[in-house]
Structures are given as structure tokens and as C-alpha cells.
Amino acid sequence: MPPVRCDVVAVGTELLLGQIVDTNSSWLGEQLAAAGIDSCLQVKVGDNQARIVAALRSVLRDADAVIVCGGLGPTHDDITRESIAEVMGTTLEMDDVIADRIARMFASRNRKMAENNLRQAMVPRGASVI
């Protein structure tokens, strides 16, 4: 049986502009290799839904799995989850476990949580959050 192939897509215009170094993809590649999983492609894509969707569809043609990092925050330009939902042909749903974890994190720091932080708990139906 051929080895499992898992590629990486890193989302963020700041990665393309060199404002932030993409250490996540390097670390993920190292972890995948250590687990005996082939990772043949790492893609960086800006904060643009059409381009994220195109990148995901391209990677999914050859990979068994994809790890996507970036674009998952609470702001309007964090559109990774919407892009994944589009590719999967599904909708976003609130993950109550993640929502509770976010709320507890704010409470533990004695900070008021802005409502937009709950966007981070919206997950494409059927997706696995790691």
C-alpha cells in the first residue's frame, strides 16, 4: 500500500509579502515526515477566497489529506473556514466545545470576550479540527 500523502496550505497575505515567516509549514512537514506521511507540496496563498478555494482544489487532486493553517482568526479577513466549506460543499456550524474553550480562555485572563471571537468556533460540517 502506498504511503498516505498529506500536503499543507498556509493562508495569509502577510506570508506572501514576507511580513511573517511561515514556520508552521516547516514544522508540519517535519512532523508529517516523522510520522511516515509523505508531504509533497506546501502552498502559500493570500487572504482571497477564490484563490484559497483554487489552491485547496488543486492540492486535493493528489493528496489524501490537507492541513490548512492561517486565516482562522476572528476578523473579517479570516476566510479560511468559509473557503474550506465551499470546497467541501457544506456549511459552517458552531462547535460548542471550541466556543467554550475560547470563552474559558478569556475568563481565565479576566478579559471580556468580544462576540466576533466566536467566529473561531465556526467549523465546516464534517471537518476535523486539530
C-alpha atoms as a PDB file:
ATOM      1  CA  MET A   1       0.000   0.000   0.000  1.00  0.00           C
ATOM      2  CA  PRO A   2       1.436   3.448  -0.907  1.00  0.00           C
ATOM      3  CA  PRO A   3       2.094   5.861   1.947  1.00  0.00           C
ATOM      4  CA  VAL A   4      -0.525   8.425   2.865  1.00  0.00           C
ATOM      5  CA  ARG A   5       0.085  11.843   1.337  1.00  0.00           C
ATOM      6  CA  CYS A   6      -0.794  14.960   3.317  1.00  0.00           C
ATOM      7  CA  ASP A   7       0.022  18.380   1.906  1.00  0.00           C
ATOM      8  CA  VAL A   8      -0.016  21.768   3.634  1.00  0.00           C
ATOM      9  CA  VAL A   9      -1.758  25.019   2.664  1.00  0.00           C
ATOM     10  CA  ALA A  10      -0.743  28.146   4.585  1.00  0.00           C
ATOM     11  CA  VAL A  11      -3.129  31.086   4.284  1.00  0.00           C
ATOM     12  CA  GLY A  12      -2.192  34.727   4.776  1.00  0.00           C
ATOM     13  CA  THR A  13      -1.262  37.650   2.573  1.00  0.00           C
ATOM     14  CA  GLU A  14       1.371  38.550   5.170  1.00  0.00           C
ATOM     15  CA  LEU A  15       3.176  35.293   4.274  1.00  0.00           C
ATOM     16  CA  LEU A  16       3.337  36.251   0.597  1.00  0.00           C
ATOM     17  CA  LEU A  17       4.579  39.752   1.396  1.00  0.00           C
ATOM     18  CA  GLY A  18       7.364  38.452   3.615  1.00  0.00           C
ATOM     19  CA  GLN A  19       5.952  40.224   6.665  1.00  0.00           C
ATOM     20  CA  ILE A  20       5.809  36.919   8.559  1.00  0.00           C
ATOM     21  CA  VAL A  21       7.954  33.820   8.064  1.00  0.00           C
ATOM     22  CA  ASP A  22       5.924  30.633   7.602  1.00  0.00           C
ATOM     23  CA  THR A  23       7.401  28.424  10.309  1.00  0.00           C
ATOM     24  CA  ASN A  24       4.142  26.447  10.636  1.00  0.00           C
ATOM     25  CA  SER A  25       4.547  24.691   7.282  1.00  0.00           C
ATOM     26  CA  SER A  26       8.151  23.742   8.057  1.00  0.00           C
ATOM     27  CA  TRP A  27       7.168  22.321  11.433  1.00  0.00           C
ATOM     28  CA  LEU A  28       4.204  20.449   9.940  1.00  0.00           C
ATOM     29  CA  GLY A  29       6.422  18.964   7.222  1.00  0.00           C
ATOM     30  CA  GLU A  30       8.851  17.735   9.866  1.00  0.00           C
ATOM     31  CA  GLN A  31       6.045  16.194  11.939  1.00  0.00           C
ATOM     32  CA  LEU A  32       4.456  14.513   8.923  1.00  0.00           C
ATOM     33  CA  ALA A  33       7.814  13.018   7.879  1.00  0.00           C
ATOM     34  CA  ALA A  34       8.431  11.747  11.416  1.00  0.00           C
ATOM     35  CA  ALA A  35       5.031  10.034  11.286  1.00  0.00           C
ATOM     36  CA  GLY A  36       5.871   8.364   7.962  1.00  0.00           C
ATOM     37  CA  ILE A  37       3.426  10.518   5.994  1.00  0.00           C
ATOM     38  CA  ASP A  38       4.513  11.894   2.625  1.00  0.00           C
ATOM     39  CA  SER A  39       4.167  15.636   2.204  1.00  0.00           C
ATOM     40  CA  CYS A  40       4.961  16.573  -1.379  1.00  0.00           C
ATOM     41  CA  LEU A  41       3.603  20.101  -1.547  1.00  0.00           C
ATOM     42  CA  GLN A  42       3.391  23.173   0.655  1.00  0.00           C
ATOM     43  CA  VAL A  43       1.410  26.096  -0.733  1.00  0.00           C
ATOM     44  CA  LYS A  44       1.124  29.687   0.462  1.00  0.00           C
ATOM     45  CA  VAL A  45      -1.944  31.649  -0.609  1.00  0.00           C
ATOM     46  CA  GLY A  46      -3.190  35.140   0.240  1.00  0.00           C
ATOM     47  CA  ASP A  47      -6.396  36.151   2.002  1.00  0.00           C
ATOM     48  CA  ASN A  48      -8.651  35.841  -1.043  1.00  0.00           C
ATOM     49  CA  GLN A  49     -11.464  33.291  -1.029  1.00  0.00           C
ATOM     50  CA  ALA A  50     -11.344  32.449  -4.740  1.00  0.00           C
ATOM     51  CA  ARG A  51      -7.580  31.841  -4.548  1.00  0.00           C
ATOM     52  CA  ILE A  52      -7.851  29.798  -1.341  1.00  0.00           C
ATOM     53  CA  VAL A  53     -10.572  27.648  -2.931  1.00  0.00           C
ATOM     54  CA  ALA A  54      -8.446  27.160  -6.072  1.00  0.00           C
ATOM     55  CA  ALA A  55      -5.381  26.208  -4.005  1.00  0.00           C
ATOM     56  CA  LEU A  56      -7.348  23.701  -1.934  1.00  0.00           C
ATOM     57  CA  ARG A  57      -8.921  22.096  -5.002  1.00  0.00           C
ATOM     58  CA  SER A  58      -5.515  21.837  -6.666  1.00  0.00           C
ATOM     59  CA  VAL A  59      -3.856  20.208  -3.645  1.00  0.00           C
ATOM     60  CA  LEU A  60      -6.768  17.825  -3.095  1.00  0.00           C
ATOM     61  CA  ARG A  61      -6.342  16.370  -6.597  1.00  0.00           C
ATOM     62  CA  ASP A  62      -3.249  14.450  -5.460  1.00  0.00           C
ATOM     63  CA  ALA A  63      -3.242  14.464  -1.644  1.00  0.00           C
ATOM     64  CA  ASP A  64      -5.123  12.104   0.648  1.00  0.00           C
ATOM     65  CA  ALA A  65      -5.376  14.831   3.287  1.00  0.00           C
ATOM     66  CA  VAL A  66      -4.609  18.523   3.641  1.00  0.00           C
ATOM     67  CA  ILE A  67      -3.620  20.526   6.687  1.00  0.00           C
ATOM     68  CA  VAL A  68      -4.615  24.174   6.409  1.00  0.00           C
ATOM     69  CA  CYS A  69      -3.146  26.782   8.726  1.00  0.00           C
ATOM     70  CA  GLY A  70      -3.779  30.505   8.926  1.00  0.00           C
ATOM     71  CA  GLY A  71      -6.803  32.658   8.241  1.00  0.00           C
ATOM     72  CA  LEU A  72      -8.688  31.201  11.191  1.00  0.00           C
ATOM     73  CA  GLY A  73      -8.892  34.221  13.492  1.00  0.00           C
ATOM     74  CA  PRO A  74     -11.902  36.322  14.465  1.00  0.00           C
ATOM     75  CA  THR A  75     -11.613  39.139  11.911  1.00  0.00           C
ATOM     76  CA  HIS A  76     -13.447  39.658   8.620  1.00  0.00           C
ATOM     77  CA  ASP A  77     -10.387  38.780   6.521  1.00  0.00           C
ATOM     78  CA  ASP A  78     -10.013  35.378   8.200  1.00  0.00           C
ATOM     79  CA  ILE A  79     -11.833  33.415   5.496  1.00  0.00           C
ATOM     80  CA  THR A  80     -10.160  30.005   5.568  1.00  0.00           C
ATOM     81  CA  ARG A  81     -13.129  28.241   7.161  1.00  0.00           C
ATOM     82  CA  GLU A  82     -15.558  29.670   4.577  1.00  0.00           C
ATOM     83  CA  SER A  83     -13.220  28.585   1.783  1.00  0.00           C
ATOM     84  CA  ILE A  84     -12.947  25.043   3.150  1.00  0.00           C
ATOM     85  CA  ALA A  85     -16.735  24.844   3.489  1.00  0.00           C
ATOM     86  CA  GLU A  86     -17.105  25.911  -0.145  1.00  0.00           C
ATOM     87  CA  VAL A  87     -14.651  23.253  -1.344  1.00  0.00           C
ATOM     88  CA  MET A  88     -16.360  20.594   0.780  1.00  0.00           C
ATOM     89  CA  GLY A  89     -19.821  21.667  -0.397  1.00  0.00           C
ATOM     90  CA  THR A  90     -21.021  22.162   3.158  1.00  0.00           C
ATOM     91  CA  THR A  91     -21.890  24.853   5.669  1.00  0.00           C
ATOM     92  CA  LEU A  92     -20.258  26.179   8.806  1.00  0.00           C
ATOM     93  CA  GLU A  93     -21.565  25.154  12.202  1.00  0.00           C
ATOM     94  CA  MET A  94     -20.747  26.251  15.729  1.00  0.00           C
ATOM     95  CA  ASP A  95     -18.510  23.796  17.601  1.00  0.00           C
ATOM     96  CA  ASP A  96     -19.681  24.199  21.199  1.00  0.00           C
ATOM     97  CA  VAL A  97     -16.521  22.614  22.624  1.00  0.00           C
ATOM     98  CA  ILE A  98     -14.313  25.148  20.845  1.00  0.00           C
ATOM     99  CA  ALA A  99     -16.660  28.026  21.761  1.00  0.00           C
ATOM    100  CA  ASP A 100     -16.473  27.009  25.411  1.00  0.00           C
ATOM    101  CA  ARG A 101     -12.678  26.755  25.247  1.00  0.00           C
ATOM    102  CA  ILE A 102     -12.463  30.282  23.802  1.00  0.00           C
ATOM    103  CA  ALA A 103     -14.806  31.684  26.468  1.00  0.00           C
ATOM    104  CA  ARG A 104     -12.836  29.980  29.258  1.00  0.00           C
ATOM    105  CA  MET A 105      -9.558  31.339  27.900  1.00  0.00           C
ATOM    106  CA  PHE A 106     -10.872  34.902  28.072  1.00  0.00           C
ATOM    107  CA  ALA A 107     -12.362  34.330  31.533  1.00  0.00           C
ATOM    108  CA  SER A 108      -9.072  32.906  32.841  1.00  0.00           C
ATOM    109  CA  ARG A 109      -7.392  36.159  31.818  1.00  0.00           C
ATOM    110  CA  ASN A 110     -10.161  38.288  33.334  1.00  0.00           C
ATOM    111  CA  ARG A 111     -10.907  39.742  29.903  1.00  0.00           C
ATOM    112  CA  LYS A 112     -14.251  40.425  28.279  1.00  0.00           C
ATOM    113  CA  MET A 113     -14.687  38.372  25.136  1.00  0.00           C
ATOM    114  CA  ALA A 114     -15.806  40.268  22.043  1.00  0.00           C
ATOM    115  CA  GLU A 115     -18.577  38.415  20.205  1.00  0.00           C
ATOM    116  CA  ASN A 116     -16.518  38.186  16.999  1.00  0.00           C
ATOM    117  CA  ASN A 117     -14.186  35.725  18.762  1.00  0.00           C
ATOM    118  CA  LEU A 118     -16.889  33.073  18.397  1.00  0.00           C
ATOM    119  CA  ARG A 119     -16.187  33.087  14.633  1.00  0.00           C
ATOM    120  CA  GLN A 120     -13.190  30.956  15.567  1.00  0.00           C
ATOM    121  CA  ALA A 121     -15.582  28.221  16.741  1.00  0.00           C
ATOM    122  CA  MET A 122     -17.339  28.015  13.365  1.00  0.00           C
ATOM    123  CA  VAL A 123     -16.240  24.789  11.670  1.00  0.00           C
ATOM    124  CA  PRO A 124     -17.159  23.266   8.303  1.00  0.00           C
ATOM    125  CA  ARG A 125     -19.589  20.403   8.899  1.00  0.00           C
ATOM    126  CA  GLY A 126     -17.610  17.158   8.788  1.00  0.00           C
ATOM    127  CA  ALA A 127     -14.181  18.770   9.297  1.00  0.00           C
ATOM    128  CA  SER A 128     -11.754  17.597  11.963  1.00  0.00           C
ATOM    129  CA  VAL A 129     -10.112  20.340  13.982  1.00  0.00           C
ATOM    130  CA  ILE A 130      -6.613  19.512  15.226  1.00  0.00           C
END
